[in-house]
Protein backbone atom coordinates (compact mmCIF):
# COMPACT_ATOMS: atom_id res chain seq x y z
CA MET A 1 51.79 145.14 59.24
CA LYS A 2 52.77 148.95 60.99
CA GLU A 3 53.96 151.56 58.15
CA ARG A 4 57.31 151.19 60.29
CA THR A 5 57.89 148.37 59.21
CA LYS A 6 57.07 148.76 55.70
CA PHE A 7 59.44 151.50 55.40
CA ILE A 8 62.01 149.51 56.78
CA LEU A 9 61.45 146.50 54.22
CA ILE A 10 61.61 149.00 51.21
CA LEU A 11 64.65 151.03 52.86
CA LEU A 12 66.41 147.64 52.99
CA GLY A 13 65.32 146.38 49.79
CA PHE A 14 66.70 149.60 48.32
CA LEU A 15 70.00 149.19 50.05
CA LEU A 16 70.56 145.53 48.93
CA ALA A 17 69.44 146.66 45.29
CA TYR A 18 72.03 149.38 45.13
CA TYR A 19 74.96 148.19 47.20
CA VAL A 20 75.31 144.59 47.09
CA PRO A 21 77.94 143.31 44.01
CA PHE A 22 76.00 141.32 42.19
CA SER A 23 78.69 140.83 39.46
CA ASN A 24 80.69 139.28 42.33
CA LEU A 25 81.13 135.66 41.70
CA ARG A 26 80.95 134.31 44.72
CA ILE A 27 77.57 136.61 45.22
CA GLN A 28 76.41 135.01 41.80
CA SER A 29 76.84 131.82 43.17
CA ALA A 30 75.13 132.22 47.06
CA ILE A 31 72.15 133.69 45.15
CA MET A 32 71.77 130.45 42.94
CA GLU A 33 72.28 127.81 45.73
CA ALA A 34 69.69 130.08 47.97
CA PHE A 35 66.80 129.44 45.41
CA LEU A 36 68.20 125.64 44.15
CA MET A 37 68.10 124.78 47.87
CA LEU A 38 64.80 125.96 47.98
CA GLN A 39 63.62 124.23 44.98
CA ASP A 40 65.37 120.95 46.37
CA TYR A 41 63.02 121.44 49.68
CA ALA A 42 60.13 122.06 47.57
CA ARG A 43 60.61 119.09 45.74
CA ALA A 44 61.91 116.70 48.14
CA HIS A 45 59.82 117.55 51.63
CA VAL A 46 57.01 119.83 50.99
CA LEU A 47 54.33 116.94 49.63
CA THR A 48 55.70 114.60 51.27
CA CYS A 49 56.63 115.95 54.57
CA LEU A 50 54.89 119.28 55.01
CA ILE A 51 51.48 118.70 53.87
CA PRO A 52 50.94 115.92 55.64
CA ALA A 53 52.16 117.89 58.61
CA PHE A 54 49.93 120.77 58.22
CA PHE A 55 47.30 118.29 57.88
CA ILE A 56 47.84 116.43 61.40
CA ALA A 57 48.26 120.07 63.10
CA GLY A 58 44.99 121.19 62.01
CA ALA A 59 43.83 117.99 63.53
CA ILE A 60 45.44 118.60 66.77
CA SER A 61 43.72 122.02 66.81
CA VAL A 62 39.59 120.59 65.80
CA PHE A 63 40.00 116.84 66.62
CA VAL A 64 42.19 116.89 69.84
CA SER A 65 39.76 118.10 72.72
CA GLN A 66 41.49 121.08 74.81
CA ALA A 67 40.87 119.13 77.98
CA SER A 68 42.94 116.33 76.78
CA VAL A 69 46.20 118.85 75.58
CA LEU A 70 45.97 120.18 79.54
CA LYS A 71 45.19 116.85 80.94
CA TYR A 72 48.63 115.67 79.61
CA PHE A 73 50.52 118.68 78.06
CA GLY A 74 48.98 120.98 80.33
CA ALA A 75 51.21 123.24 83.34
CA LYS A 76 50.06 121.45 85.98
CA ALA A 77 49.78 118.05 84.41
CA ASN A 78 52.22 114.93 85.64
CA LYS A 79 55.58 116.16 84.72
CA PHE A 80 57.07 112.64 84.52
CA LEU A 81 54.06 111.64 81.92
CA SER A 82 54.38 114.73 79.66
CA TYR A 83 57.77 115.02 79.65
CA SER A 84 58.53 111.53 78.81
CA VAL A 85 55.84 111.25 75.72
CA ALA A 86 56.94 114.78 74.68
CA SER A 87 61.09 113.61 74.96
CA VAL A 88 60.34 110.34 72.86
CA SER A 89 58.18 111.27 70.16
CA GLY A 90 60.82 111.78 67.75
CA SER A 91 61.40 108.45 67.96
CA ILE A 92 57.87 107.66 66.02
CA LEU A 93 57.98 111.09 63.89
CA ALA A 94 61.22 110.81 61.86
CA VAL A 95 60.72 114.57 60.71
CA CYS A 96 62.62 117.72 60.47
CA SER A 97 63.24 120.83 62.49
CA CYS A 98 60.74 122.15 59.68
CA THR A 99 58.13 119.33 59.69
CA ILE A 100 58.13 119.59 63.15
CA LEU A 101 56.69 123.38 63.34
CA PRO A 102 53.03 122.70 62.51
CA LEU A 103 52.60 120.11 65.18
CA PHE A 104 54.43 122.17 67.91
CA ALA A 105 52.12 125.00 66.93
CA GLY A 106 49.42 122.88 66.81
CA ILE A 107 49.73 121.63 70.83
CA TRP A 108 50.55 125.30 72.06
CA LYS A 109 47.72 126.47 70.74
CA ARG A 110 45.72 123.94 72.56
CA GLY A 111 46.98 125.00 75.97
CA ALA A 112 49.90 122.75 76.21
CA GLY A 113 52.44 123.79 78.90
CA LEU A 114 55.81 125.71 77.65
CA GLY A 115 58.28 123.26 79.17
CA PRO A 116 56.31 119.82 77.39
CA ALA A 117 55.91 121.55 74.13
CA ILE A 118 59.28 122.61 74.02
CA ALA A 119 60.37 119.04 74.93
CA PHE A 120 58.12 118.18 71.75
CA LEU A 121 59.98 120.90 69.72
CA TYR A 122 63.17 119.90 70.38
CA SER A 123 62.81 116.00 70.52
CA GLY A 124 60.71 115.83 67.40
CA PRO A 125 63.70 116.26 64.73
CA ALA A 126 66.61 115.22 67.06
CA ILE A 127 65.36 111.90 68.00
CA ASN A 128 64.70 109.90 65.07
CA ILE A 129 65.41 106.32 65.25
CA LEU A 130 66.95 105.35 61.63
CA ALA A 131 69.02 108.47 62.21
CA ILE A 132 70.23 107.12 65.44
CA ILE A 133 70.88 103.87 63.74
CA LEU A 134 72.55 105.17 60.74
CA THR A 135 74.84 107.49 62.75
CA THR A 136 75.83 104.78 64.79
CA ARG A 137 76.68 102.24 61.78
CA VAL A 138 78.55 105.25 59.77
CA LEU A 139 80.04 107.87 62.19
CA GLY A 140 80.55 104.76 65.24
CA TRP A 141 78.69 103.02 68.22
CA GLN A 142 79.97 106.19 70.57
CA LEU A 143 78.48 108.82 68.85
CA GLY A 144 75.48 107.38 67.87
CA LEU A 145 75.15 106.38 71.72
CA ALA A 146 75.88 110.00 72.70
CA ARG A 147 73.65 111.17 70.16
CA ALA A 148 70.69 109.47 71.18
CA ILE A 149 71.32 109.98 74.94
CA GLY A 150 72.25 113.85 74.48
CA ALA A 151 68.82 114.36 72.61
CA ILE A 152 66.51 112.64 75.04
CA SER A 153 68.12 114.53 78.19
CA PHE A 154 68.48 117.84 76.40
CA SER A 155 64.71 117.77 75.40
CA ILE A 156 63.71 117.16 79.27
CA ILE A 157 65.97 119.71 80.58
CA ILE A 158 65.41 122.47 77.97
CA GLY A 159 61.69 121.86 78.50
CA LEU A 160 62.18 122.02 82.57
CA ILE A 161 64.51 125.36 81.87
CA MET A 162 62.27 126.81 80.00
CA ALA A 163 58.94 126.15 82.09
CA PHE A 164 60.82 128.03 85.12
CA ILE A 165 62.23 130.58 83.58
CA TYR A 166 58.67 131.61 82.64
CA ARG A 167 57.05 130.00 85.75
CA HIS A 168 54.86 133.20 86.34
CA GLU A 169 53.66 133.23 83.01
CA GLU A 170 52.44 129.77 83.16
CA LYS A 171 51.00 129.69 86.26
CA ALA A 172 48.72 132.43 84.81
CA LYS A 173 48.23 130.67 81.44
CA HIS A 174 47.44 127.61 83.84
CA GLU A 175 44.91 129.66 86.19
CA SER A 176 43.24 130.96 82.66
CA ASN A 177 42.90 127.15 81.13
CA GLU A 178 41.91 125.80 84.74
CA ALA A 179 38.85 127.78 84.89
CA MET A 180 38.17 127.07 80.86
CA PHE A 181 38.96 123.16 81.55
CA LYS A 182 35.92 122.95 83.61
CA SER A 183 33.41 124.51 80.94
CA LEU A 184 34.72 122.21 78.38
CA PRO A 185 32.78 119.77 76.90
CA GLU A 186 32.94 115.89 77.04
CA GLU A 187 34.94 114.26 74.30
CA LYS A 188 32.78 113.49 71.07
CA ARG A 189 34.16 110.03 70.73
CA PRO A 190 36.14 107.39 72.19
CA LEU A 191 39.82 108.15 72.96
CA SER A 192 40.89 105.06 71.07
CA LYS A 193 39.17 105.88 67.79
CA THR A 194 41.28 109.48 67.93
CA ILE A 195 44.42 108.08 68.37
CA THR A 196 43.79 105.52 66.12
CA TYR A 197 43.07 108.55 63.57
CA PHE A 198 46.20 109.80 64.56
CA MET A 199 48.40 106.88 64.41
CA THR A 200 47.20 106.33 60.34
CA MET A 201 48.18 110.25 59.88
CA ILE A 202 51.48 109.71 61.21
CA PHE A 203 51.90 106.35 59.50
CA VAL A 204 51.26 108.57 55.95
CA LEU A 205 53.64 110.85 57.00
CA LEU A 206 56.43 108.28 57.70
CA PHE A 207 55.64 105.93 54.35
CA ALA A 208 55.86 108.98 52.61
CA THR A 209 58.71 110.39 53.75
CA TRP A 210 60.77 107.18 53.99
CA THR A 211 64.23 107.30 52.73
CA LYS A 212 66.36 104.96 50.49
CA THR A 213 69.98 104.80 51.86
CA ASP A 214 72.98 103.11 51.04
CA PHE A 215 74.01 102.52 54.63
CA PRO A 216 71.83 99.64 55.76
CA SER A 217 70.41 96.73 54.17
CA GLY A 218 67.46 94.85 54.15
CA ALA A 219 63.88 95.71 55.82
CA TRP A 220 65.11 99.49 55.59
CA ASN A 221 65.26 99.05 51.36
CA LEU A 222 62.81 96.69 51.21
CA LEU A 223 59.89 99.43 52.74
CA PHE A 224 61.25 101.74 50.46
CA GLU A 225 60.73 99.60 47.61
CA PHE A 226 56.84 99.23 48.52
CA LYS A 227 56.54 102.88 50.28
CA TRP A 228 53.82 104.41 47.64
CA PHE A 229 51.59 101.37 48.09
CA PHE A 230 51.80 101.28 51.56
CA THR A 231 51.27 104.89 51.53
CA GLY A 232 48.21 104.50 49.12
CA PHE A 233 46.74 102.17 51.61
CA VAL A 234 47.22 104.16 54.84
CA LEU A 235 45.41 107.31 52.65
CA LEU A 236 42.46 105.01 51.56
CA LEU A 237 41.95 104.04 55.41
CA LEU A 238 42.56 107.47 56.88
CA LEU A 239 40.02 108.74 53.89
CA TRP A 240 37.42 106.43 55.36
CA GLN A 241 37.57 107.08 58.87
CA THR A 242 37.64 110.91 58.23
CA PHE A 243 34.09 110.44 56.49
CA SER A 244 32.74 107.67 58.89
CA TRP A 245 33.92 108.91 62.53
CA PHE A 246 33.79 112.54 61.75
CA GLU A 247 31.12 114.99 60.94
CA SER A 248 31.06 117.47 57.96
CA ASP A 249 31.11 120.80 60.16
CA GLU A 250 34.30 119.00 61.93
CA ARG A 251 35.35 118.17 58.63
CA LYS A 252 35.27 121.74 57.75
CA SER A 253 37.04 122.73 60.67
CA TRP A 254 40.05 120.64 59.69
CA VAL A 255 40.63 122.31 56.47
CA GLU A 256 40.23 126.02 57.98
CA SER A 257 42.61 125.47 60.82
CA THR A 258 45.14 123.26 58.57
CA TRP A 259 45.16 126.63 56.02
CA GLU A 260 45.77 128.73 58.81
CA PHE A 261 48.91 127.23 60.01
CA ALA A 262 50.12 126.90 56.43
CA LYS A 263 49.15 130.74 56.45
CA GLN A 264 51.62 131.23 59.33
CA ILE A 265 54.25 128.84 58.56
CA PHE A 266 54.74 128.79 54.58
CA PRO A 267 56.31 132.07 53.93
CA LEU A 268 58.24 132.39 57.03
CA LEU A 269 59.91 128.96 55.96
CA PHE A 270 60.66 129.65 52.50
CA LEU A 271 62.20 132.71 53.47
CA GLY A 272 64.73 130.58 56.11
CA VAL A 273 65.40 128.18 53.29
CA LEU A 274 66.64 130.89 51.03
CA ALA A 275 68.39 132.78 53.49
CA ALA A 276 70.12 129.55 54.93
CA GLY A 277 71.32 128.67 50.79
CA PHE A 278 72.47 131.82 50.74
CA LEU A 279 74.81 132.05 54.27
CA MET A 280 75.69 127.95 53.96
CA GLY A 281 74.96 126.65 50.47
CA ARG A 282 73.31 123.43 49.81
CA PRO A 283 74.51 120.48 52.44
CA GLY A 284 77.27 119.53 51.07
CA THR A 285 78.38 121.88 48.00
CA GLY A 286 80.01 124.43 50.23
CA ASN A 287 78.28 127.23 47.31
CA GLY A 288 77.19 129.73 50.13
CA ILE A 289 78.27 133.05 50.75
CA ILE A 290 80.49 131.25 53.83
CA PRO A 291 83.01 129.12 52.19
CA SER A 292 82.95 125.31 53.47
CA GLY A 293 86.73 125.49 53.95
CA TYR A 294 86.24 127.87 56.68
CA VAL A 295 83.79 125.64 58.07
CA GLU A 296 85.89 122.88 58.38
CA MET A 297 89.36 124.79 58.89
CA LEU A 298 87.53 126.37 62.44
CA VAL A 299 85.81 122.75 63.75
CA GLY A 300 89.19 120.67 64.04
CA GLY A 301 89.75 119.65 67.93
CA ASN A 302 88.08 119.91 70.66
CA SER A 303 88.53 123.73 71.99
CA LEU A 304 85.49 125.81 73.02
CA TRP A 305 85.40 128.06 70.17
CA ALA A 306 85.47 124.64 68.00
CA ASN A 307 82.79 123.45 69.82
CA LEU A 308 80.92 126.52 70.04
CA PHE A 309 81.39 127.37 66.11
CA ALA A 310 79.91 123.84 65.24
CA SER A 311 76.86 124.38 67.32
CA VAL A 312 76.37 127.72 66.07
CA SER A 313 77.04 127.00 62.30
CA GLY A 314 74.76 123.81 62.75
CA ALA A 315 71.73 125.76 64.28
CA LEU A 316 71.85 128.22 61.20
CA MET A 317 72.11 125.44 58.77
CA TYR A 318 69.05 123.23 57.26
CA PHE A 319 69.29 119.23 57.74
CA ALA A 320 66.80 117.70 56.09
CA THR A 321 66.39 114.19 57.90
CA LEU A 322 69.42 112.14 57.56
CA THR A 323 71.43 114.33 55.73
CA GLU A 324 73.57 115.55 58.46
CA ILE A 325 75.50 111.82 58.50
CA PRO A 326 76.89 112.07 55.39
CA ILE A 327 77.87 115.79 55.78
CA LEU A 328 79.67 114.97 59.15
CA GLN A 329 81.12 112.08 57.35
CA GLY A 330 82.70 113.88 55.28
CA LEU A 331 83.77 116.88 57.93
CA LEU A 332 85.50 113.92 60.12
CA GLY A 333 87.17 112.76 57.40
CA ALA A 334 88.48 116.77 56.62
CA GLY A 335 89.66 116.78 60.32
CA MET A 336 87.08 117.64 62.32
CA GLY A 337 86.99 116.75 65.85
CA LYS A 338 84.80 114.45 67.53
CA GLY A 339 83.44 116.61 70.00
CA PRO A 340 82.32 119.28 67.01
CA ALA A 341 80.99 116.45 65.56
CA LEU A 342 78.82 115.81 68.47
CA ALA A 343 77.67 119.32 68.81
CA LEU A 344 76.97 119.64 65.13
CA LEU A 345 74.45 116.61 65.68
CA LEU A 346 72.84 118.10 68.82
CA ALA A 347 72.02 121.39 67.27
CA GLY A 348 71.79 120.87 63.90
CA PRO A 349 68.68 118.67 62.84
CA ALA A 350 66.58 120.13 65.89
CA LEU A 351 67.31 123.73 64.84
CA SER A 352 67.50 126.10 61.53
CA LEU A 353 67.11 129.61 60.25
CA PRO A 354 63.57 129.09 58.86
CA ASN A 355 62.83 126.81 62.10
CA MET A 356 63.75 130.19 64.05
CA LEU A 357 61.71 132.59 62.44
CA VAL A 358 58.76 130.31 62.56
CA ILE A 359 59.25 129.70 66.71
CA ARG A 360 59.01 133.50 66.53
CA SER A 361 55.87 133.77 65.30
CA VAL A 362 54.33 131.01 67.51
CA ILE A 363 55.67 131.81 70.77
CA GLY A 364 57.48 135.41 70.31
CA THR A 365 61.14 136.77 70.00
CA ARG A 366 61.97 136.37 74.18
CA LYS A 367 61.25 132.71 74.13
CA MET A 368 62.44 131.67 70.50
CA LEU A 369 66.62 133.65 71.67
CA VAL A 370 66.19 131.80 74.67
CA TYR A 371 65.43 128.33 73.57
CA VAL A 372 68.06 128.83 70.76
CA PHE A 373 70.36 130.11 73.09
CA LEU A 374 70.26 127.13 75.79
CA VAL A 375 70.38 124.58 72.62
CA VAL A 376 73.94 126.10 71.29
CA VAL A 377 75.22 126.47 75.19
CA MET A 378 73.88 122.83 75.82
CA SER A 379 75.54 121.64 72.73
CA THR A 380 78.47 123.13 73.11
CA LEU A 381 79.48 121.89 76.61
CA ALA A 382 78.17 118.20 75.74
CA GLY A 383 80.40 118.59 72.94
CA MET A 384 83.42 119.41 75.10
CA ILE A 385 82.76 116.73 77.32
CA TYR A 386 82.46 113.92 74.65
CA GLY A 387 85.58 115.32 72.92
CA SER A 388 87.34 114.85 76.08
CA PHE A 389 86.76 111.34 76.42
CA PHE A 390 87.19 110.65 72.88
């Protein structure tokens, strides 16, 4: 860290300590809300969501050959194949905007093109089969269908726009990777084994994060009752595969790579969760520094401002998987317009303040800002169009 940066941080800390009116009840409530949100996040998501995601990301870095990543996700890969796989990946990975980050960082470090990587980054938390089903059942089939179409198309469009904007940089990256591609060693094991191994890890993530809900019935909640049995079984299978299919140096590299992702992402993520909790409060509580009543007042109707405000506020808030649905149900009941509701659904799950901080550390400030701008603008436009019909 540069000395100037250290000085600025120390100065900011002093100014906050000196001027913030900590005796104000609203400030006290927002501070408490920030730490309660961090505690909720730690209890609900770190062990079951984030840790498995870190191990998957570490496995991508070690067990997936760079040749395979370049072949299917590189800058010159078949665009139909790469964007198709990336855009629907979220239907398999039921993850939030933070859990997707180590996976995104993993494929980016292995040489994936910016477009497919961004498509994967957006689609991961935005396209979730259970979320789409719940949106349809709770908020109506029109909103559920619009969310599904919007999320899939957004991931592709935003990825293509990002790839076009940074096409010269991507070309240079491809030329560098192409020279390296020719000298890369052959696969150590059959592709079928690698795919099976990653599917096993994905099943661990899916079963561990399966959430019981009051909305659907039958198979969803039946699976929840036995989720730890399935999780334990799949974990045992994963251990057998790890020690049977991979050498000791590969397993060591896997752990080291997982730790590298954790060191990079954990601190920024926790700071971002604290900031989101302080500003907006936990979902549904409205105890942040920004009163929830203001949000409800500003997103009625279908004006440009209402849709833009819904997109921006959704982009700053952190939504755990599926929590956006009951929150929106309450907001719609309080007078929120249908257009702003869709805008929040398209921007909220895919973005959050902690998510932005980590993306910046992976691809840089400019690319992060362009990505956030595209998501907010497209969500706003989609909300206005949808609101004009419904």
